Amino acid sequence: MVTTVAERPVAAEGEAAVLRDLIAYLKRRDYHFITPTPATHARVLARADRHRAADLRDVFGWSLPFARDLLEASLLEALGAADLIEAAGDLLRSKVRVSTLGPDLLVHSAYPTDDTDAVFFGPDSYRFARFIADELRRCPEREGSTLVDIGTGAGAGAIAAAHCCPKVDIVMTDINPAALRLARVNAQAAGVAARFVQGEDLSGITGALDLVLANPPYIIDPAGRAYRDGGDLHGAGVALAMACEAVPRLAQGGRFLLYTGSAIVRGADALHDRLVQLAAAEGCRLRYEEIDPDVFGEELETASYADVERIALVTAVIERARPY
């Protein structure tokens, strides 16, 4: 089912207003926080001096419990009214984190991201945004082009692209309504105009597409969390499905920009081979690059990765040539 997200219930709009105010508040206080991997986050919080928040970075970055008097009373009241804080023993805890991405602050789920509808942001988000910026600096999109960010999450990809090409028509999609609510907040705070479509595919978007962005999950997640579970092909299944849907929809000169991971089995990269076949079948060009040869090595200790040598981070650009 596909739903265009328009007017939200009053409670959700109240939450959005509080989150926009929170971003503005943190910007005025020169707040900066770079979100690490969950494993690094856990290691930092395990330190003896990291059990209680001492400042805004501890509250909204490290997700540490905090005392009521650490935040201004008006901010605390607004967060409480929007159900954005929760009790943590005698202390309180924010339900959201706020991370720096270039000139922007993006709000996403608090650590740990255990909920099935968690909205994730982390090192992959930074690499994805950099990949988009590098590609669009090399070849900017034309004014009026249609840009779709599939599975937008917190909106990092579309926002990064909008800063490079501000006069494109942006659509953010996600199967997770919580992600779309936060992506809307983040886009508005970044000054990015966009449409928001809830759905698991591109059926809610009509016409040819000039630029499609995708940063799908690429790890097999036993819990089945949508933001982390990449499906079959050792976690590359979601990435391949997105490519198979998006590439046939590309306009002449259109591009599909993919950032993801791929499991290497006996030296072979199954995702690369499938994308080569897809590009050839669609008469498109493929540029594929392995940008990091070895990530999430701990996954190789699980049964799902018993035959995998390594998990590589990869980027792919599939482009439909313009007629001459």
C-alpha atoms as a PDB file:
ATOM      1  CA  MET A   1       0.000   0.000   0.000  1.00  0.00           C
ATOM      2  CA  VAL A   2       1.258   3.474  -0.880  1.00  0.00           C
ATOM      3  CA  THR A   3       0.197   6.579   0.979  1.00  0.00           C
ATOM      4  CA  THR A   4       1.135  10.176   0.255  1.00  0.00           C
ATOM      5  CA  VAL A   5       1.880  11.701   3.621  1.00  0.00           C
ATOM      6  CA  ALA A   6      -0.032  14.960   3.856  1.00  0.00           C
ATOM      7  CA  GLU A   7      -1.698  16.356   6.947  1.00  0.00           C
ATOM      8  CA  ARG A   8      -0.697  14.504  10.107  1.00  0.00           C
ATOM      9  CA  PRO A   9      -2.724  14.142  13.278  1.00  0.00           C
ATOM     10  CA  VAL A  10      -2.471  17.023  15.725  1.00  0.00           C
ATOM     11  CA  ALA A  11      -0.264  15.002  18.101  1.00  0.00           C
ATOM     12  CA  ALA A  12       2.242  14.219  15.356  1.00  0.00           C
ATOM     13  CA  GLU A  13       2.320  17.840  14.211  1.00  0.00           C
ATOM     14  CA  GLY A  14       2.949  18.884  17.796  1.00  0.00           C
ATOM     15  CA  GLU A  15       5.879  16.487  17.926  1.00  0.00           C
ATOM     16  CA  ALA A  16       7.229  17.857  14.630  1.00  0.00           C
ATOM     17  CA  ALA A  17       7.034  21.451  15.886  1.00  0.00           C
ATOM     18  CA  VAL A  18       8.892  20.538  19.071  1.00  0.00           C
ATOM     19  CA  LEU A  19      11.597  18.725  17.076  1.00  0.00           C
ATOM     20  CA  ARG A  20      12.026  21.686  14.722  1.00  0.00           C
ATOM     21  CA  ASP A  21      12.338  23.957  17.757  1.00  0.00           C
ATOM     22  CA  LEU A  22      14.844  21.547  19.300  1.00  0.00           C
ATOM     23  CA  ILE A  23      17.024  21.639  16.177  1.00  0.00           C
ATOM     24  CA  ALA A  24      16.891  25.450  16.156  1.00  0.00           C
ATOM     25  CA  TYR A  25      17.706  25.539  19.889  1.00  0.00           C
ATOM     26  CA  LEU A  26      20.726  23.278  19.445  1.00  0.00           C
ATOM     27  CA  LYS A  27      21.983  25.268  16.463  1.00  0.00           C
ATOM     28  CA  ARG A  28      21.880  28.460  18.515  1.00  0.00           C
ATOM     29  CA  ARG A  29      24.068  26.729  21.089  1.00  0.00           C
ATOM     30  CA  ASP A  30      26.583  25.556  18.469  1.00  0.00           C
ATOM     31  CA  TYR A  31      25.746  21.909  19.118  1.00  0.00           C
ATOM     32  CA  HIS A  32      27.750  19.346  17.146  1.00  0.00           C
ATOM     33  CA  PHE A  33      27.662  15.573  17.396  1.00  0.00           C
ATOM     34  CA  ILE A  34      29.058  12.963  14.999  1.00  0.00           C
ATOM     35  CA  THR A  35      27.266   9.644  15.462  1.00  0.00           C
ATOM     36  CA  PRO A  36      29.540   6.576  15.611  1.00  0.00           C
ATOM     37  CA  THR A  37      28.693   2.927  15.049  1.00  0.00           C
ATOM     38  CA  PRO A  38      26.498   1.235  17.664  1.00  0.00           C
ATOM     39  CA  ALA A  39      29.518  -0.804  18.779  1.00  0.00           C
ATOM     40  CA  THR A  40      31.580   2.341  19.397  1.00  0.00           C
ATOM     41  CA  HIS A  41      28.608   3.977  21.106  1.00  0.00           C
ATOM     42  CA  ALA A  42      28.344   1.005  23.474  1.00  0.00           C
ATOM     43  CA  ARG A  43      32.054   1.100  24.258  1.00  0.00           C
ATOM     44  CA  VAL A  44      31.923   4.791  25.139  1.00  0.00           C
ATOM     45  CA  LEU A  45      28.867   4.366  27.363  1.00  0.00           C
ATOM     46  CA  ALA A  46      30.583   1.496  29.192  1.00  0.00           C
ATOM     47  CA  ARG A  47      33.129   3.919  30.644  1.00  0.00           C
ATOM     48  CA  ALA A  48      32.759   4.690  34.335  1.00  0.00           C
ATOM     49  CA  ASP A  49      32.203   8.421  33.792  1.00  0.00           C
ATOM     50  CA  ARG A  50      29.513   8.039  31.088  1.00  0.00           C
ATOM     51  CA  HIS A  51      26.480   6.970  33.089  1.00  0.00           C
ATOM     52  CA  ARG A  52      24.858  10.398  33.483  1.00  0.00           C
ATOM     53  CA  ALA A  53      24.616  13.348  31.117  1.00  0.00           C
ATOM     54  CA  ALA A  54      26.673  16.442  31.816  1.00  0.00           C
ATOM     55  CA  ASP A  55      25.763  18.537  28.750  1.00  0.00           C
ATOM     56  CA  LEU A  56      23.596  18.727  25.633  1.00  0.00           C
ATOM     57  CA  ARG A  57      25.844  16.347  23.652  1.00  0.00           C
ATOM     58  CA  ASP A  58      25.395  13.731  26.351  1.00  0.00           C
ATOM     59  CA  VAL A  59      21.615  14.160  26.263  1.00  0.00           C
ATOM     60  CA  PHE A  60      20.943  14.374  22.518  1.00  0.00           C
ATOM     61  CA  GLY A  61      24.039  12.658  21.154  1.00  0.00           C
ATOM     62  CA  TRP A  62      25.096   9.924  23.553  1.00  0.00           C
ATOM     63  CA  SER A  63      21.521   9.249  24.780  1.00  0.00           C
ATOM     64  CA  LEU A  64      22.599   9.396  28.424  1.00  0.00           C
ATOM     65  CA  PRO A  65      20.066   9.808  31.252  1.00  0.00           C
ATOM     66  CA  PHE A  66      19.903  13.353  32.564  1.00  0.00           C
ATOM     67  CA  ALA A  67      18.657  15.286  35.571  1.00  0.00           C
ATOM     68  CA  ARG A  68      15.706  17.630  35.121  1.00  0.00           C
ATOM     69  CA  ASP A  69      17.734  20.726  35.909  1.00  0.00           C
ATOM     70  CA  LEU A  70      20.181  20.051  33.054  1.00  0.00           C
ATOM     71  CA  LEU A  71      17.707  21.366  30.448  1.00  0.00           C
ATOM     72  CA  GLU A  72      15.888  24.682  30.394  1.00  0.00           C
ATOM     73  CA  ALA A  73      12.433  24.318  31.908  1.00  0.00           C
ATOM     74  CA  SER A  74      10.604  25.410  28.748  1.00  0.00           C
ATOM     75  CA  LEU A  75      12.512  22.900  26.606  1.00  0.00           C
ATOM     76  CA  LEU A  76      11.910  20.115  29.097  1.00  0.00           C
ATOM     77  CA  GLU A  77       8.198  20.924  29.204  1.00  0.00           C
ATOM     78  CA  ALA A  78       7.911  20.923  25.410  1.00  0.00           C
ATOM     79  CA  LEU A  79       9.751  17.617  25.074  1.00  0.00           C
ATOM     80  CA  GLY A  80       7.565  16.064  27.742  1.00  0.00           C
ATOM     81  CA  ALA A  81       4.349  17.299  26.145  1.00  0.00           C
ATOM     82  CA  ALA A  82       5.413  15.757  22.825  1.00  0.00           C
ATOM     83  CA  ASP A  83       6.316  12.440  24.507  1.00  0.00           C
ATOM     84  CA  LEU A  84       9.949  12.788  23.441  1.00  0.00           C
ATOM     85  CA  ILE A  85      11.434  11.979  26.848  1.00  0.00           C
ATOM     86  CA  GLU A  86      11.022   8.969  29.118  1.00  0.00           C
ATOM     87  CA  ALA A  87      11.840   8.044  32.692  1.00  0.00           C
ATOM     88  CA  ALA A  88      15.191   6.382  33.398  1.00  0.00           C
ATOM     89  CA  GLY A  89      14.997   5.600  37.094  1.00  0.00           C
ATOM     90  CA  ASP A  90      15.223   8.913  38.932  1.00  0.00           C
ATOM     91  CA  LEU A  91      16.474  10.578  35.729  1.00  0.00           C
ATOM     92  CA  LEU A  92      15.071  11.282  32.281  1.00  0.00           C
ATOM     93  CA  ARG A  93      16.167  10.183  28.828  1.00  0.00           C
ATOM     94  CA  SER A  94      15.608  11.630  25.359  1.00  0.00           C
ATOM     95  CA  LYS A  95      13.836   9.385  22.857  1.00  0.00           C
ATOM     96  CA  VAL A  96      15.695  11.038  19.978  1.00  0.00           C
ATOM     97  CA  ARG A  97      19.257  11.821  19.009  1.00  0.00           C
ATOM     98  CA  VAL A  98      20.423  14.799  16.982  1.00  0.00           C
ATOM     99  CA  SER A  99      23.445  14.458  14.702  1.00  0.00           C
ATOM    100  CA  THR A 100      25.524  16.834  12.626  1.00  0.00           C
ATOM    101  CA  LEU A 101      25.599  16.335   8.860  1.00  0.00           C
ATOM    102  CA  GLY A 102      27.489  19.129   7.145  1.00  0.00           C
ATOM    103  CA  PRO A 103      25.619  22.380   7.877  1.00  0.00           C
ATOM    104  CA  ASP A 104      22.552  20.573   9.182  1.00  0.00           C
ATOM    105  CA  LEU A 105      21.328  18.863  12.329  1.00  0.00           C
ATOM    106  CA  LEU A 106      19.259  15.722  11.761  1.00  0.00           C
ATOM    107  CA  VAL A 107      17.024  14.090  14.345  1.00  0.00           C
ATOM    108  CA  HIS A 108      16.738  10.295  14.537  1.00  0.00           C
ATOM    109  CA  SER A 109      16.101   7.499  17.037  1.00  0.00           C
ATOM    110  CA  ALA A 110      17.886   7.377  20.372  1.00  0.00           C
ATOM    111  CA  TYR A 111      20.479   4.729  21.180  1.00  0.00           C
ATOM    112  CA  PRO A 112      20.046   1.785  21.262  1.00  0.00           C
ATOM    113  CA  THR A 113      18.024   1.424  18.066  1.00  0.00           C
ATOM    114  CA  ASP A 114      16.287  -1.802  19.077  1.00  0.00           C
ATOM    115  CA  ASP A 115      12.728  -0.984  17.997  1.00  0.00           C
ATOM    116  CA  THR A 116      11.508  -2.432  14.697  1.00  0.00           C
ATOM    117  CA  ASP A 117      10.549   1.089  13.521  1.00  0.00           C
ATOM    118  CA  ALA A 118      13.783   2.734  14.669  1.00  0.00           C
ATOM    119  CA  VAL A 119      15.136   5.474  12.404  1.00  0.00           C
ATOM    120  CA  PHE A 120      18.864   4.900  12.067  1.00  0.00           C
ATOM    121  CA  PHE A 121      21.662   7.357  11.355  1.00  0.00           C
ATOM    122  CA  GLY A 122      25.376   6.586  11.556  1.00  0.00           C
ATOM    123  CA  PRO A 123      28.668   6.301   9.677  1.00  0.00           C
ATOM    124  CA  ASP A 124      26.957   4.891   6.580  1.00  0.00           C
ATOM    125  CA  SER A 125      24.830   8.059   6.464  1.00  0.00           C
ATOM    126  CA  TYR A 126      27.970  10.206   6.291  1.00  0.00           C
ATOM    127  CA  ARG A 127      29.536   8.060   3.577  1.00  0.00           C
ATOM    128  CA  PHE A 128      26.273   8.035   1.604  1.00  0.00           C
ATOM    129  CA  ALA A 129      25.993  11.821   1.756  1.00  0.00           C
ATOM    130  CA  ARG A 130      29.613  12.237   0.661  1.00  0.00           C
ATOM    131  CA  PHE A 131      29.109   9.816  -2.245  1.00  0.00           C
ATOM    132  CA  ILE A 132      26.072  11.818  -3.413  1.00  0.00           C
ATOM    133  CA  ALA A 133      27.845  15.149  -3.070  1.00  0.00           C
ATOM    134  CA  ASP A 134      30.896  13.914  -5.013  1.00  0.00           C
ATOM    135  CA  GLU A 135      28.722  12.526  -7.808  1.00  0.00           C
ATOM    136  CA  LEU A 136      26.553  15.645  -8.094  1.00  0.00           C
ATOM    137  CA  ARG A 137      29.546  17.975  -8.038  1.00  0.00           C
ATOM    138  CA  ARG A 138      30.944  15.954 -10.934  1.00  0.00           C
ATOM    139  CA  CYS A 139      27.646  16.064 -12.815  1.00  0.00           C
ATOM    140  CA  PRO A 140      24.880  18.266 -11.331  1.00  0.00           C
ATOM    141  CA  GLU A 141      21.221  17.578 -11.950  1.00  0.00           C
ATOM    142  CA  ARG A 142      19.253  19.934 -14.189  1.00  0.00           C
ATOM    143  CA  GLU A 143      16.621  22.282 -12.811  1.00  0.00           C
ATOM    144  CA  GLY A 144      13.250  20.582 -12.599  1.00  0.00           C
ATOM    145  CA  SER A 145      14.659  17.048 -12.473  1.00  0.00           C
ATOM    146  CA  THR A 146      12.842  14.481 -10.352  1.00  0.00           C
ATOM    147  CA  LEU A 147      14.907  13.068  -7.477  1.00  0.00           C
ATOM    148  CA  VAL A 148      13.684  10.129  -5.396  1.00  0.00           C
ATOM    149  CA  ASP A 149      15.360   8.981  -2.192  1.00  0.00           C
ATOM    150  CA  ILE A 150      14.180   5.376  -1.658  1.00  0.00           C
ATOM    151  CA  GLY A 151      14.046   4.306   1.984  1.00  0.00           C
ATOM    152  CA  THR A 152      15.036   7.786   3.032  1.00  0.00           C
ATOM    153  CA  GLY A 153      15.239   7.088   6.779  1.00  0.00           C
ATOM    154  CA  ALA A 154      16.196  10.345   8.452  1.00  0.00           C
ATOM    155  CA  GLY A 155      16.531  12.001   5.030  1.00  0.00           C
ATOM    156  CA  ALA A 156      20.316  12.345   4.853  1.00  0.00           C
ATOM    157  CA  GLY A 157      20.623  11.439   1.168  1.00  0.00           C
ATOM    158  CA  ALA A 158      17.918  13.721  -0.177  1.00  0.00           C
ATOM    159  CA  ILE A 159      19.084  16.617   1.994  1.00  0.00           C
ATOM    160  CA  ALA A 160      22.683  16.216   0.833  1.00  0.00           C
ATOM    161  CA  ALA A 161      21.520  16.112  -2.785  1.00  0.00           C
ATOM    162  CA  ALA A 162      19.292  19.154  -2.348  1.00  0.00           C
ATOM    163  CA  HIS A 163      22.222  21.251  -1.171  1.00  0.00           C
ATOM    164  CA  CYS A 164      24.084  20.330  -4.359  1.00  0.00           C
ATOM    165  CA  CYS A 165      21.090  20.748  -6.693  1.00  0.00           C
ATOM    166  CA  PRO A 166      18.548  23.016  -5.000  1.00  0.00           C
ATOM    167  CA  LYS A 167      16.159  23.302  -7.961  1.00  0.00           C
ATOM    168  CA  VAL A 168      15.110  19.675  -8.296  1.00  0.00           C
ATOM    169  CA  ASP A 169      11.785  18.090  -7.394  1.00  0.00           C
ATOM    170  CA  ILE A 170      12.518  15.893  -4.364  1.00  0.00           C
ATOM    171  CA  VAL A 171      10.484  12.898  -3.224  1.00  0.00           C
ATOM    172  CA  MET A 172      11.380  10.975  -0.064  1.00  0.00           C
ATOM    173  CA  THR A 173       9.947   7.483   0.354  1.00  0.00           C
ATOM    174  CA  ASP A 174      10.009   4.985   3.208  1.00  0.00           C
ATOM    175  CA  ILE A 175       7.957   2.045   4.393  1.00  0.00           C
ATOM    176  CA  ASN A 176       8.323   3.330   7.962  1.00  0.00           C
ATOM    177  CA  PRO A 177       5.944   6.200   8.869  1.00  0.00           C
ATOM    178  CA  ALA A 178       8.180   7.142  11.807  1.00  0.00           C
ATOM    179  CA  ALA A 179      11.059   7.668   9.383  1.00  0.00           C
ATOM    180  CA  LEU A 180       8.949   9.907   7.151  1.00  0.00           C
ATOM    181  CA  ARG A 181       7.891  12.034  10.113  1.00  0.00           C
ATOM    182  CA  LEU A 182      11.517  12.619  11.092  1.00  0.00           C
ATOM    183  CA  ALA A 183      12.639  13.085   7.481  1.00  0.00           C
ATOM    184  CA  ARG A 184      10.004  15.807   7.111  1.00  0.00           C
ATOM    185  CA  VAL A 185      11.303  17.568  10.221  1.00  0.00           C
ATOM    186  CA  ASN A 186      14.907  17.310   9.047  1.00  0.00           C
ATOM    187  CA  ALA A 187      14.113  18.534   5.541  1.00  0.00           C
ATOM    188  CA  GLN A 188      12.186  21.527   6.865  1.00  0.00           C
ATOM    189  CA  ALA A 189      14.980  22.397   9.283  1.00  0.00           C
ATOM    190  CA  ALA A 190      17.478  22.206   6.410  1.00  0.00           C
ATOM    191  CA  GLY A 191      15.325  24.397   4.166  1.00  0.00           C
ATOM    192  CA  VAL A 192      14.627  21.551   1.728  1.00  0.00           C
ATOM    193  CA  ALA A 193      11.216  21.317   0.040  1.00  0.00           C
ATOM    194  CA  ALA A 194      10.091  17.757  -0.631  1.00  0.00           C
ATOM    195  CA  ARG A 195       7.150  15.405  -1.024  1.00  0.00           C
ATOM    196  CA  PHE A 196       6.858  12.380   1.261  1.00  0.00           C
ATOM    197  CA  VAL A 197       5.441   9.034   0.142  1.00  0.00           C
ATOM    198  CA  GLN A 198       4.960   6.063   2.420  1.00  0.00           C
ATOM    199  CA  GLY A 199       5.437   2.720   0.699  1.00  0.00           C
ATOM    200  CA  GLU A 200       7.813  -0.131   0.028  1.00  0.00           C
ATOM    201  CA  ASP A 201       8.275   0.596  -3.668  1.00  0.00           C
ATOM    202  CA  LEU A 202       8.078   3.315  -6.319  1.00  0.00           C
ATOM    203  CA  SER A 203       4.462   2.691  -7.327  1.00  0.00           C
ATOM    204  CA  GLY A 204       3.333   5.898  -5.658  1.00  0.00           C
ATOM    205  CA  ILE A 205       5.554   7.997  -7.936  1.00  0.00           C
ATOM    206  CA  THR A 206       4.597   8.565 -11.575  1.00  0.00           C
ATOM    207  CA  GLY A 207       6.725   9.290 -14.607  1.00  0.00           C
ATOM    208  CA  ALA A 208      10.364   8.819 -15.492  1.00  0.00           C
ATOM    209  CA  LEU A 209      12.954   9.476 -12.804  1.00  0.00           C
ATOM    210  CA  ASP A 210      16.083  11.559 -13.283  1.00  0.00           C
ATOM    211  CA  LEU A 211      17.926  10.666 -10.094  1.00  0.00           C
ATOM    212  CA  VAL A 212      17.242   7.845  -7.644  1.00  0.00           C
ATOM    213  CA  LEU A 213      19.192   7.527  -4.398  1.00  0.00           C
ATOM    214  CA  ALA A 214      19.387   4.385  -2.293  1.00  0.00           C
ATOM    215  CA  ASN A 215      21.216   3.503   0.915  1.00  0.00           C
ATOM    216  CA  PRO A 216      19.583   0.169   1.778  1.00  0.00           C
ATOM    217  CA  PRO A 217      20.499  -2.070   4.711  1.00  0.00           C
ATOM    218  CA  TYR A 218      23.027  -4.773   3.879  1.00  0.00           C
ATOM    219  CA  ILE A 219      23.339  -6.970   6.984  1.00  0.00           C
ATOM    220  CA  ILE A 220      21.224 -10.034   7.765  1.00  0.00           C
ATOM    221  CA  ASP A 221      19.364  -9.054  10.934  1.00  0.00           C
ATOM    222  CA  PRO A 222      17.799 -11.915  12.925  1.00  0.00           C
ATOM    223  CA  ALA A 223      15.406  -9.391  14.509  1.00  0.00           C
ATOM    224  CA  GLY A 224      14.160  -8.363  11.064  1.00  0.00           C
ATOM    225  CA  ARG A 225      14.502  -4.620  11.723  1.00  0.00           C
ATOM    226  CA  ALA A 226      13.704  -2.825   8.467  1.00  0.00           C
ATOM    227  CA  TYR A 227      16.535  -0.311   8.811  1.00  0.00           C
ATOM    228  CA  ARG A 228      19.137  -3.097   9.189  1.00  0.00           C
ATOM    229  CA  ASP A 229      17.939  -6.276   7.448  1.00  0.00           C
ATOM    230  CA  GLY A 230      19.190  -6.519   3.869  1.00  0.00           C
ATOM    231  CA  GLY A 231      17.428  -9.774   3.054  1.00  0.00           C
ATOM    232  CA  ASP A 232      18.820 -12.566   0.874  1.00  0.00           C
ATOM    233  CA  LEU A 233      22.111 -12.565  -1.083  1.00  0.00           C
ATOM    234  CA  HIS A 234      23.821 -12.353   2.327  1.00  0.00           C
ATOM    235  CA  GLY A 235      22.121  -8.993   2.888  1.00  0.00           C
ATOM    236  CA  ALA A 236      22.290  -7.536  -0.637  1.00  0.00           C
ATOM    237  CA  GLY A 237      18.764  -8.578  -1.574  1.00  0.00           C
ATOM    238  CA  VAL A 238      17.120  -5.247  -0.728  1.00  0.00           C
ATOM    239  CA  ALA A 239      19.764  -3.313  -2.678  1.00  0.00           C
ATOM    240  CA  LEU A 240      19.238  -5.495  -5.748  1.00  0.00           C
ATOM    241  CA  ALA A 241      15.455  -5.188  -5.495  1.00  0.00           C
ATOM    242  CA  MET A 242      15.710  -1.395  -5.350  1.00  0.00           C
ATOM    243  CA  ALA A 243      17.985  -1.377  -8.380  1.00  0.00           C
ATOM    244  CA  CYS A 244      15.696  -3.697 -10.354  1.00  0.00           C
ATOM    245  CA  GLU A 245      12.754  -1.397  -9.688  1.00  0.00           C
ATOM    246  CA  ALA A 246      14.499   1.957 -10.148  1.00  0.00           C
ATOM    247  CA  VAL A 247      16.705   1.408 -13.200  1.00  0.00           C
ATOM    248  CA  PRO A 248      13.868   0.626 -15.653  1.00  0.00           C
ATOM    249  CA  ARG A 249      12.222   3.883 -14.521  1.00  0.00           C
ATOM    250  CA  LEU A 250      15.246   6.054 -15.323  1.00  0.00           C
ATOM    251  CA  ALA A 251      14.777   8.858 -17.828  1.00  0.00           C
ATOM    252  CA  GLN A 252      17.313   9.418 -20.594  1.00  0.00           C
ATOM    253  CA  GLY A 253      20.410  10.614 -18.791  1.00  0.00           C
ATOM    254  CA  GLY A 254      18.927   9.429 -15.481  1.00  0.00           C
ATOM    255  CA  ARG A 255      21.056   7.900 -12.744  1.00  0.00           C
ATOM    256  CA  PHE A 256      20.607   5.405  -9.930  1.00  0.00           C
ATOM    257  CA  LEU A 257      23.050   6.050  -7.077  1.00  0.00           C
ATOM    258  CA  LEU A 258      23.495   3.108  -4.721  1.00  0.00           C
ATOM    259  CA  TYR A 259      25.544   2.936  -1.525  1.00  0.00           C
ATOM    260  CA  THR A 260      25.457  -0.394   0.297  1.00  0.00           C
ATOM    261  CA  GLY A 261      27.424  -3.436   1.379  1.00  0.00           C
ATOM    262  CA  SER A 262      28.096  -6.685  -0.409  1.00  0.00           C
ATOM    263  CA  ALA A 263      29.263 -10.021   0.971  1.00  0.00           C
ATOM    264  CA  ILE A 264      32.277 -11.506  -0.835  1.00  0.00           C
ATOM    265  CA  VAL A 265      32.125 -15.306  -1.161  1.00  0.00           C
ATOM    266  CA  ARG A 266      35.252 -17.071  -2.457  1.00  0.00           C
ATOM    267  CA  GLY A 267      36.366 -13.843  -4.063  1.00  0.00           C
ATOM    268  CA  ALA A 268      33.068 -13.287  -5.879  1.00  0.00           C
ATOM    269  CA  ASP A 269      30.766 -10.278  -5.454  1.00  0.00           C
ATOM    270  CA  ALA A 270      27.244 -11.451  -6.270  1.00  0.00           C
ATOM    271  CA  LEU A 271      25.737  -7.964  -6.098  1.00  0.00           C
ATOM    272  CA  HIS A 272      28.238  -6.641  -8.643  1.00  0.00           C
ATOM    273  CA  ASP A 273      27.470  -9.509 -11.017  1.00  0.00           C
ATOM    274  CA  ARG A 274      23.707  -8.961 -10.747  1.00  0.00           C
ATOM    275  CA  LEU A 275      24.071  -5.216 -11.345  1.00  0.00           C
ATOM    276  CA  VAL A 276      26.226  -5.861 -14.420  1.00  0.00           C
ATOM    277  CA  GLN A 277      23.416  -8.022 -15.807  1.00  0.00           C
ATOM    278  CA  LEU A 278      20.756  -5.438 -14.944  1.00  0.00           C
ATOM    279  CA  ALA A 279      22.665  -2.546 -16.530  1.00  0.00           C
ATOM    280  CA  ALA A 280      23.271  -4.545 -19.715  1.00  0.00           C
ATOM    281  CA  ALA A 281      19.632  -5.595 -19.951  1.00  0.00           C
ATOM    282  CA  GLU A 282      18.498  -1.978 -19.590  1.00  0.00           C
ATOM    283  CA  GLY A 283      21.082  -0.508 -21.963  1.00  0.00           C
ATOM    284  CA  CYS A 284      22.710   1.440 -19.126  1.00  0.00           C
ATOM    285  CA  ARG A 285      26.275   2.098 -18.018  1.00  0.00           C
ATOM    286  CA  LEU A 286      27.506   0.862 -14.637  1.00  0.00           C
ATOM    287  CA  ARG A 287      30.245   2.341 -12.489  1.00  0.00           C
ATOM    288  CA  TYR A 288      30.920   0.151  -9.463  1.00  0.00           C
ATOM    289  CA  GLU A 289      33.510   0.740  -6.769  1.00  0.00           C
ATOM    290  CA  GLU A 290      34.526  -1.080  -3.601  1.00  0.00           C
ATOM    291  CA  ILE A 291      35.205   1.774  -1.195  1.00  0.00           C
ATOM    292  CA  ASP A 292      35.994  -0.237   1.941  1.00  0.00           C
ATOM    293  CA  PRO A 293      37.073  -3.886   1.712  1.00  0.00           C
ATOM    294  CA  ASP A 294      36.111  -5.045   5.201  1.00  0.00           C
ATOM    295  CA  VAL A 295      33.327  -3.886   7.532  1.00  0.00           C
ATOM    296  CA  PHE A 296      31.218  -5.623  10.195  1.00  0.00           C
ATOM    297  CA  GLY A 297      33.732  -8.462  10.469  1.00  0.00           C
ATOM    298  CA  GLU A 298      31.963  -9.728  13.578  1.00  0.00           C
ATOM    299  CA  GLU A 299      29.067 -10.853  11.383  1.00  0.00           C
ATOM    300  CA  LEU A 300      31.298 -13.565   9.917  1.00  0.00           C
ATOM    301  CA  GLU A 301      31.058 -15.396  13.238  1.00  0.00           C
ATOM    302  CA  THR A 302      27.331 -16.030  12.659  1.00  0.00           C
ATOM    303  CA  ALA A 303      25.818 -18.973  10.790  1.00  0.00           C
ATOM    304  CA  SER A 304      24.354 -16.696   8.102  1.00  0.00           C
ATOM    305  CA  TYR A 305      27.864 -15.692   7.017  1.00  0.00           C
ATOM    306  CA  ALA A 306      29.601 -19.051   7.375  1.00  0.00           C
ATOM    307  CA  ASP A 307      30.749 -18.995   3.730  1.00  0.00           C
ATOM    308  CA  VAL A 308      31.542 -15.268   3.523  1.00  0.00           C
ATOM    309  CA  GLU A 309      35.136 -14.005   3.406  1.00  0.00           C
ATOM    310  CA  ARG A 310      34.387 -10.345   4.056  1.00  0.00           C
ATOM    311  CA  ILE A 311      31.705  -7.683   3.740  1.00  0.00           C
ATOM    312  CA  ALA A 312      32.677  -4.783   1.499  1.00  0.00           C
ATOM    313  CA  LEU A 313      31.184  -1.320   1.237  1.00  0.00           C
ATOM    314  CA  VAL A 314      30.369  -0.494  -2.364  1.00  0.00           C
ATOM    315  CA  THR A 315      28.970   2.302  -4.496  1.00  0.00           C
ATOM    316  CA  ALA A 316      27.264   1.905  -7.841  1.00  0.00           C
ATOM    317  CA  VAL A 317      26.120   4.432 -10.423  1.00  0.00           C
ATOM    318  CA  ILE A 318      23.829   3.081 -13.140  1.00  0.00           C
ATOM    319  CA  GLU A 319      23.171   5.641 -15.864  1.00  0.00           C
ATOM    320  CA  ARG A 320      20.899   5.576 -18.871  1.00  0.00           C
ATOM    321  CA  ALA A 321      22.700   7.245 -21.756  1.00  0.00           C
ATOM    322  CA  ARG A 322      21.207  10.205 -23.599  1.00  0.00           C
ATOM    323  CA  PRO A 323      20.554   9.728 -27.308  1.00  0.00           C
ATOM    324  CA  TYR A 324      22.865  11.578 -29.637  1.00  0.00           C
END
